[in-house]
Structure formats: structure tokens, C-alpha cells
């Protein structure tokens, strides 16, 4: 698992890490402490992705409601 700061990850990078993490958890081979660590990181990645999606949605809404017009 990369040691990058989650807040610095792009949406795509965070999703890739999350998919890898879920695969690791589903394998069932990790000891309990490692599984909890992976789960905690997964929660942080999901939160990060949701925040990125929320910001993108707000931007799209702003632009489609005329907020991005420059014609005054």
C-alpha cells in the first residue's frame, strides 16, 4: 500500500487503491490487526472519493445553471 497522503490523491488513484484494498480484505488472508488497518484506510479513501465527487457535482451544477457564463 502506498504511503501517500490520501488528500493528495486524485479520484482515480484513490479508487485504484480502494479496489486493491478491498481485494486484500476479501482474500481473508490478513490477520485481524492488518484487516482493521486496511478497513480504516478504506473508510478514509471512500470519504475522499465522496468529497471529490461532491465538489465535481457542485461545479457541474454551477456551470449548467448559468454560473459559468461570461456574457453577463
PDB file of N, CA and C in Angstrom:
ATOM      1  N   UNK A   1       0.839  -1.181   0.000  1.00  0.00           N
ATOM      2  CA  UNK A   1       0.000   0.000   0.000  1.00  0.00           C
ATOM      3  C   UNK A   1       0.882   1.242   0.000  1.00  0.00           C
ATOM      4  N   UNK A   2       0.566   2.199  -0.841  1.00  0.00           N
ATOM      5  CA  UNK A   2       1.362   3.413  -0.911  1.00  0.00           C
ATOM      6  C   UNK A   2       1.180   4.218   0.359  1.00  0.00           C
ATOM      7  N   UNK A   3       2.209   4.975   0.718  1.00  0.00           N
ATOM      8  CA  UNK A   3       2.157   5.792   1.916  1.00  0.00           C
ATOM      9  C   UNK A   3       1.797   7.239   1.601  1.00  0.00           C
ATOM     10  N   UNK A   4       1.171   7.470   0.457  1.00  0.00           N
ATOM     11  CA  UNK A   4       0.799   8.823   0.080  1.00  0.00           C
ATOM     12  C   UNK A   4      -0.274   9.365   1.021  1.00  0.00           C
ATOM     13  N   UNK A   5      -0.299  10.666   1.113  1.00  0.00           N
ATOM     14  CA  UNK A   5      -1.346  11.326   1.858  1.00  0.00           C
ATOM     15  C   UNK A   5      -2.637  11.215   1.035  1.00  0.00           C
ATOM     16  N   UNK A   6      -3.673  10.699   1.622  1.00  0.00           N
ATOM     17  CA  UNK A   6      -4.916  10.444   0.890  1.00  0.00           C
ATOM     18  C   UNK A   6      -5.462  11.719   0.262  1.00  0.00           C
ATOM     19  N   UNK A   7      -5.365  12.838   0.959  1.00  0.00           N
ATOM     20  CA  UNK A   7      -5.904  14.094   0.432  1.00  0.00           C
ATOM     21  C   UNK A   7      -5.217  14.539  -0.858  1.00  0.00           C
ATOM     22  N   UNK A   8      -4.020  14.016  -1.106  1.00  0.00           N
ATOM     23  CA  UNK A   8      -3.275  14.399  -2.303  1.00  0.00           C
ATOM     24  C   UNK A   8      -3.586  13.508  -3.503  1.00  0.00           C
ATOM     25  N   UNK A   9      -4.353  12.452  -3.292  1.00  0.00           N
ATOM     26  CA  UNK A   9      -4.663  11.519  -4.368  1.00  0.00           C
ATOM     27  C   UNK A   9      -5.749  12.067  -5.282  1.00  0.00           C
ATOM     28  N   UNK A  10      -5.622  11.773  -6.558  1.00  0.00           N
ATOM     29  CA  UNK A  10      -6.723  12.072  -7.472  1.00  0.00           C
ATOM     30  C   UNK A  10      -7.836  11.066  -7.200  1.00  0.00           C
ATOM     31  N   UNK A  11      -9.000  11.331  -7.738  1.00  0.00           N
ATOM     32  CA  UNK A  11     -10.127  10.411  -7.575  1.00  0.00           C
ATOM     33  C   UNK A  11      -9.753   9.030  -8.108  1.00  0.00           C
ATOM     34  N   UNK A  12      -9.125   9.014  -9.288  1.00  0.00           N
ATOM     35  CA  UNK A  12      -8.776   7.748  -9.922  1.00  0.00           C
ATOM     36  C   UNK A  12      -7.741   6.965  -9.113  1.00  0.00           C
ATOM     37  N   UNK A  13      -6.760   7.664  -8.572  1.00  0.00           N
ATOM     38  CA  UNK A  13      -5.751   6.998  -7.748  1.00  0.00           C
ATOM     39  C   UNK A  13      -6.370   6.425  -6.473  1.00  0.00           C
ATOM     40  N   UNK A  14      -7.255   7.196  -5.872  1.00  0.00           N
ATOM     41  CA  UNK A  14      -7.922   6.739  -4.650  1.00  0.00           C
ATOM     42  C   UNK A  14      -8.793   5.520  -4.933  1.00  0.00           C
ATOM     43  N   UNK A  15      -9.491   5.524  -6.045  1.00  0.00           N
ATOM     44  CA  UNK A  15     -10.336   4.380  -6.400  1.00  0.00           C
ATOM     45  C   UNK A  15      -9.484   3.139  -6.663  1.00  0.00           C
ATOM     46  N   UNK A  16      -8.347   3.316  -7.305  1.00  0.00           N
ATOM     47  CA  UNK A  16      -7.451   2.190  -7.574  1.00  0.00           C
ATOM     48  C   UNK A  16      -6.951   1.583  -6.259  1.00  0.00           C
ATOM     49  N   UNK A  17      -6.556   2.448  -5.324  1.00  0.00           N
ATOM     50  CA  UNK A  17      -6.110   1.954  -4.023  1.00  0.00           C
ATOM     51  C   UNK A  17      -7.248   1.258  -3.283  1.00  0.00           C
ATOM     52  N   UNK A  18      -8.442   1.825  -3.373  1.00  0.00           N
ATOM     53  CA  UNK A  18      -9.597   1.237  -2.702  1.00  0.00           C
ATOM     54  C   UNK A  18      -9.920  -0.146  -3.267  1.00  0.00           C
ATOM     55  N   UNK A  19      -9.855  -0.288  -4.580  1.00  0.00           N
ATOM     56  CA  UNK A  19     -10.110  -1.588  -5.202  1.00  0.00           C
ATOM     57  C   UNK A  19      -9.080  -2.626  -4.755  1.00  0.00           C
ATOM     58  N   UNK A  20      -7.823  -2.215  -4.674  1.00  0.00           N
ATOM     59  CA  UNK A  20      -6.772  -3.114  -4.222  1.00  0.00           C
ATOM     60  C   UNK A  20      -6.988  -3.511  -2.763  1.00  0.00           C
ATOM     61  N   UNK A  21      -7.352  -2.549  -1.975  1.00  0.00           N
ATOM     62  CA  UNK A  21      -7.588  -2.777  -0.556  1.00  0.00           C
ATOM     63  C   UNK A  21      -8.756  -3.743  -0.343  1.00  0.00           C
ATOM     64  N   UNK A  22      -9.835  -3.551  -1.097  1.00  0.00           N
ATOM     65  CA  UNK A  22     -10.990  -4.440  -0.988  1.00  0.00           C
ATOM     66  C   UNK A  22     -10.594  -5.867  -1.377  1.00  0.00           C
ATOM     67  N   UNK A  23      -9.795  -6.016  -2.413  1.00  0.00           N
ATOM     68  CA  UNK A  23      -9.323  -7.349  -2.806  1.00  0.00           C
ATOM     69  C   UNK A  23      -8.528  -8.002  -1.684  1.00  0.00           C
ATOM     70  N   UNK A  24      -7.666  -7.206  -1.049  1.00  0.00           N
ATOM     71  CA  UNK A  24      -6.876  -7.728   0.070  1.00  0.00           C
ATOM     72  C   UNK A  24      -7.779  -8.185   1.210  1.00  0.00           C
ATOM     73  N   UNK A  25      -8.790  -7.390   1.522  1.00  0.00           N
ATOM     74  CA  UNK A  25      -9.707  -7.744   2.608  1.00  0.00           C
ATOM     75  C   UNK A  25     -10.534  -8.976   2.251  1.00  0.00           C
ATOM     76  N   UNK A  26     -10.984  -9.053   1.006  1.00  0.00           N
ATOM     77  CA  UNK A  26     -11.812 -10.183   0.583  1.00  0.00           C
ATOM     78  C   UNK A  26     -11.042 -11.497   0.574  1.00  0.00           C
ATOM     79  N   UNK A  27      -9.732 -11.415   0.414  1.00  0.00           N
ATOM     80  CA  UNK A  27      -8.936 -12.641   0.398  1.00  0.00           C
ATOM     81  C   UNK A  27      -8.990 -13.358   1.739  1.00  0.00           C
ATOM     82  N   UNK A  28      -9.184 -12.587   2.814  1.00  0.00           N
ATOM     83  CA  UNK A  28      -9.284 -13.178   4.137  1.00  0.00           C
ATOM     84  C   UNK A  28      -7.967 -13.669   4.698  1.00  0.00           C
ATOM     85  N   UNK A  29      -6.859 -13.329   4.059  1.00  0.00           N
ATOM     86  CA  UNK A  29      -5.553 -13.814   4.490  1.00  0.00           C
ATOM     87  C   UNK A  29      -4.856 -12.906   5.491  1.00  0.00           C
ATOM     88  N   UNK A  30      -5.359 -11.693   5.674  1.00  0.00           N
ATOM     89  CA  UNK A  30      -4.697 -10.754   6.571  1.00  0.00           C
ATOM     90  C   UNK A  30      -5.117 -11.024   8.017  1.00  0.00           C
ATOM     91  N   UNK A  31      -4.183 -10.878   8.949  1.00  0.00           N
ATOM     92  CA  UNK A  31      -4.545 -11.009  10.359  1.00  0.00           C
ATOM     93  C   UNK A  31      -5.495  -9.870  10.765  1.00  0.00           C
ATOM     94  N   UNK A  32      -6.137 -10.036  11.889  1.00  0.00           N
ATOM     95  CA  UNK A  32      -7.151  -9.080  12.329  1.00  0.00           C
ATOM     96  C   UNK A  32      -6.620  -7.651  12.384  1.00  0.00           C
ATOM     97  N   UNK A  33      -5.468  -7.445  12.989  1.00  0.00           N
ATOM     98  CA  UNK A  33      -4.926  -6.084  13.100  1.00  0.00           C
ATOM     99  C   UNK A  33      -4.706  -5.454  11.735  1.00  0.00           C
ATOM    100  N   UNK A  34      -4.171  -6.223  10.790  1.00  0.00           N
ATOM    101  CA  UNK A  34      -3.944  -5.721   9.435  1.00  0.00           C
ATOM    102  C   UNK A  34      -5.270  -5.451   8.738  1.00  0.00           C
ATOM    103  N   UNK A  35      -6.247  -6.314   8.944  1.00  0.00           N
ATOM    104  CA  UNK A  35      -7.572  -6.112   8.347  1.00  0.00           C
ATOM    105  C   UNK A  35      -8.209  -4.821   8.853  1.00  0.00           C
ATOM    106  N   UNK A  36      -8.076  -4.557  10.148  1.00  0.00           N
ATOM    107  CA  UNK A  36      -8.624  -3.314  10.705  1.00  0.00           C
ATOM    108  C   UNK A  36      -7.912  -2.096  10.133  1.00  0.00           C
ATOM    109  N   UNK A  37      -6.597  -2.207   9.956  1.00  0.00           N
ATOM    110  CA  UNK A  37      -5.823  -1.119   9.361  1.00  0.00           C
ATOM    111  C   UNK A  37      -6.281  -0.863   7.916  1.00  0.00           C
ATOM    112  N   UNK A  38      -6.468  -1.939   7.167  1.00  0.00           N
ATOM    113  CA  UNK A  38      -6.938  -1.815   5.786  1.00  0.00           C
ATOM    114  C   UNK A  38      -8.343  -1.219   5.737  1.00  0.00           C
ATOM    115  N   UNK A  39      -9.202  -1.665   6.641  1.00  0.00           N
ATOM    116  CA  UNK A  39     -10.570  -1.154   6.690  1.00  0.00           C
ATOM    117  C   UNK A  39     -10.572   0.342   7.000  1.00  0.00           C
ATOM    118  N   UNK A  40      -9.743   0.743   7.953  1.00  0.00           N
ATOM    119  CA  UNK A  40      -9.657   2.162   8.312  1.00  0.00           C
ATOM    120  C   UNK A  40      -9.203   3.001   7.123  1.00  0.00           C
ATOM    121  N   UNK A  41      -8.201   2.517   6.407  1.00  0.00           N
ATOM    122  CA  UNK A  41      -7.744   3.252   5.223  1.00  0.00           C
ATOM    123  C   UNK A  41      -8.836   3.281   4.161  1.00  0.00           C
ATOM    124  N   UNK A  42      -9.575   2.177   4.029  1.00  0.00           N
ATOM    125  CA  UNK A  42     -10.670   2.130   3.069  1.00  0.00           C
ATOM    126  C   UNK A  42     -11.735   3.165   3.363  1.00  0.00           C
ATOM    127  N   UNK A  43     -12.067   3.324   4.629  1.00  0.00           N
ATOM    128  CA  UNK A  43     -13.058   4.333   5.028  1.00  0.00           C
ATOM    129  C   UNK A  43     -12.566   5.729   4.639  1.00  0.00           C
ATOM    130  N   UNK A  44     -11.290   5.995   4.888  1.00  0.00           N
ATOM    131  CA  UNK A  44     -10.709   7.296   4.539  1.00  0.00           C
ATOM    132  C   UNK A  44     -10.723   7.508   3.022  1.00  0.00           C
ATOM    133  N   UNK A  45     -10.437   6.460   2.266  1.00  0.00           N
ATOM    134  CA  UNK A  45     -10.456   6.566   0.799  1.00  0.00           C
ATOM    135  C   UNK A  45     -11.863   6.820   0.280  1.00  0.00           C
ATOM    136  N   UNK A  46     -12.854   6.139   0.847  1.00  0.00           N
ATOM    137  CA  UNK A  46     -14.251   6.347   0.437  1.00  0.00           C
ATOM    138  C   UNK A  46     -14.668   7.787   0.727  1.00  0.00           C
ATOM    139  N   UNK A  47     -14.319   8.280   1.900  1.00  0.00           N
ATOM    140  CA  UNK A  47     -14.648   9.665   2.264  1.00  0.00           C
ATOM    141  C   UNK A  47     -14.010  10.635   1.277  1.00  0.00           C
ATOM    142  N   UNK A  48     -12.747  10.403   0.943  1.00  0.00           N
ATOM    143  CA  UNK A  48     -12.032  11.261  -0.003  1.00  0.00           C
ATOM    144  C   UNK A  48     -12.714  11.248  -1.373  1.00  0.00           C
ATOM    145  N   UNK A  49     -13.067  10.063  -1.847  1.00  0.00           N
ATOM    146  CA  UNK A  49     -13.736   9.945  -3.149  1.00  0.00           C
ATOM    147  C   UNK A  49     -15.087  10.654  -3.133  1.00  0.00           C
ATOM    148  N   UNK A  50     -15.839  10.492  -2.066  1.00  0.00           N
ATOM    149  CA  UNK A  50     -17.139  11.160  -1.960  1.00  0.00           C
ATOM    150  C   UNK A  50     -16.993  12.674  -1.973  1.00  0.00           C
ATOM    151  N   UNK A  51     -15.976  13.189  -1.287  1.00  0.00           N
ATOM    152  CA  UNK A  51     -15.735  14.629  -1.295  1.00  0.00           C
ATOM    153  C   UNK A  51     -15.382  15.119  -2.700  1.00  0.00           C
ATOM    154  N   UNK A  52     -14.546  14.353  -3.402  1.00  0.00           N
ATOM    155  CA  UNK A  52     -14.187  14.723  -4.782  1.00  0.00           C
ATOM    156  C   UNK A  52     -15.433  14.734  -5.678  1.00  0.00           C
ATOM    157  N   UNK A  53     -16.275  13.717  -5.537  1.00  0.00           N
ATOM    158  CA  UNK A  53     -17.493  13.643  -6.339  1.00  0.00           C
ATOM    159  C   UNK A  53     -18.450  14.786  -6.004  1.00  0.00           C
ATOM    160  N   UNK A  54     -18.577  15.110  -4.728  1.00  0.00           N
ATOM    161  CA  UNK A  54     -19.448  16.215  -4.324  1.00  0.00           C
ATOM    162  C   UNK A  54     -18.984  17.532  -4.932  1.00  0.00           C
ATOM    163  N   UNK A  55     -17.666  17.774  -4.909  1.00  0.00           N
ATOM    164  CA  UNK A  55     -17.137  19.010  -5.496  1.00  0.00           C
ATOM    165  C   UNK A  55     -17.380  19.049  -7.006  1.00  0.00           C
ATOM    166  N   UNK A  56     -17.187  17.924  -7.662  1.00  0.00           N
ATOM    167  CA  UNK A  56     -17.425  17.866  -9.106  1.00  0.00           C
ATOM    168  C   UNK A  56     -18.899  18.114  -9.415  1.00  0.00           C
ATOM    169  N   UNK A  57     -19.781  17.510  -8.620  1.00  0.00           N
ATOM    170  CA  UNK A  57     -21.217  17.702  -8.819  1.00  0.00           C
ATOM    171  C   UNK A  57     -21.605  19.168  -8.631  1.00  0.00           C
ATOM    172  N   UNK A  58     -21.056  19.815  -7.607  1.00  0.00           N
ATOM    173  CA  UNK A  58     -21.352  21.231  -7.377  1.00  0.00           C
ATOM    174  C   UNK A  58     -20.867  22.091  -8.533  1.00  0.00           C
ATOM    175  N   UNK A  59     -19.708  21.762  -9.064  1.00  0.00           N
ATOM    176  CA  UNK A  59     -19.168  22.532 -10.183  1.00  0.00           C
ATOM    177  C   UNK A  59     -20.040  22.359 -11.424  1.00  0.00           C
ATOM    178  N   UNK A  60     -20.447  21.127 -11.716  1.00  0.00           N
ATOM    179  CA  UNK A  60     -21.319  20.870 -12.869  1.00  0.00           C
ATOM    180  C   UNK A  60     -22.640  21.605 -12.696  1.00  0.00           C
ATOM    181  N   UNK A  61     -23.202  21.545 -11.504  1.00  0.00           N
ATOM    182  CA  UNK A  61     -24.468  22.237 -11.240  1.00  0.00           C
ATOM    183  C   UNK A  61     -24.309  23.739 -11.442  1.00  0.00           C
ATOM    184  N   UNK A  62     -23.224  24.302 -10.932  1.00  0.00           N
ATOM    185  CA  UNK A  62     -22.949  25.727 -11.099  1.00  0.00           C
ATOM    186  C   UNK A  62     -22.853  26.102 -12.575  1.00  0.00           C
ATOM    187  N   UNK A  63     -22.117  25.287 -13.328  1.00  0.00           N
ATOM    188  CA  UNK A  63     -21.930  25.585 -14.750  1.00  0.00           C
ATOM    189  C   UNK A  63     -23.198  25.407 -15.552  1.00  0.00           C
ATOM    190  N   UNK A  64     -24.008  24.400 -15.232  1.00  0.00           N
ATOM    191  CA  UNK A  64     -25.228  24.157 -16.010  1.00  0.00           C
ATOM    192  C   UNK A  64     -26.354  25.109 -15.636  1.00  0.00           C
ATOM    193  N   UNK A  65     -26.228  25.763 -14.491  1.00  0.00           N
ATOM    194  CA  UNK A  65     -27.261  26.738 -14.094  1.00  0.00           C
ATOM    195  C   UNK A  65     -26.885  28.153 -14.506  1.00  0.00           C
ATOM    196  N   UNK A  66     -25.904  28.271 -15.378  1.00  0.00           N
ATOM    197  CA  UNK A  66     -25.531  29.572 -15.905  1.00  0.00           C
ATOM    198  C   UNK A  66     -24.468  30.287 -15.103  1.00  0.00           C
ATOM    199  N   UNK A  67     -23.946  29.685 -14.072  1.00  0.00           N
ATOM    200  CA  UNK A  67     -22.925  30.324 -13.261  1.00  0.00           C
ATOM    201  C   UNK A  67     -21.606  30.490 -13.991  1.00  0.00           C
ATOM    202  N   UNK A  68     -21.417  29.760 -15.054  1.00  0.00           N
ATOM    203  CA  UNK A  68     -20.158  29.832 -15.779  1.00  0.00           C
ATOM    204  C   UNK A  68     -20.210  30.740 -16.985  1.00  0.00           C
ATOM    205  N   UNK A  69     -21.351  31.404 -17.199  1.00  0.00           N
ATOM    206  CA  UNK A  69     -21.480  32.304 -18.348  1.00  0.00           C
ATOM    207  C   UNK A  69     -20.648  33.547 -18.150  1.00  0.00           C
ATOM    208  N   UNK A  70     -20.023  34.000 -19.218  1.00  0.00           N
ATOM    209  CA  UNK A  70     -19.208  35.210 -19.162  1.00  0.00           C
ATOM    210  C   UNK A  70     -19.849  36.351 -19.918  1.00  0.00           C
ATOM    211  N   UNK A  71     -21.038  36.135 -20.466  1.00  0.00           N
ATOM    212  CA  UNK A  71     -21.697  37.167 -21.269  1.00  0.00           C
ATOM    213  C   UNK A  71     -22.521  38.117 -20.424  1.00  0.00           C
ATOM    214  N   UNK A  72     -22.421  37.996 -19.145  1.00  0.00           N
ATOM    215  CA  UNK A  72     -23.044  38.948 -18.249  1.00  0.00           C
ATOM    216  C   UNK A  72     -24.437  38.685 -18.018  1.00  0.00           C
TER     217      UNK A  72
END
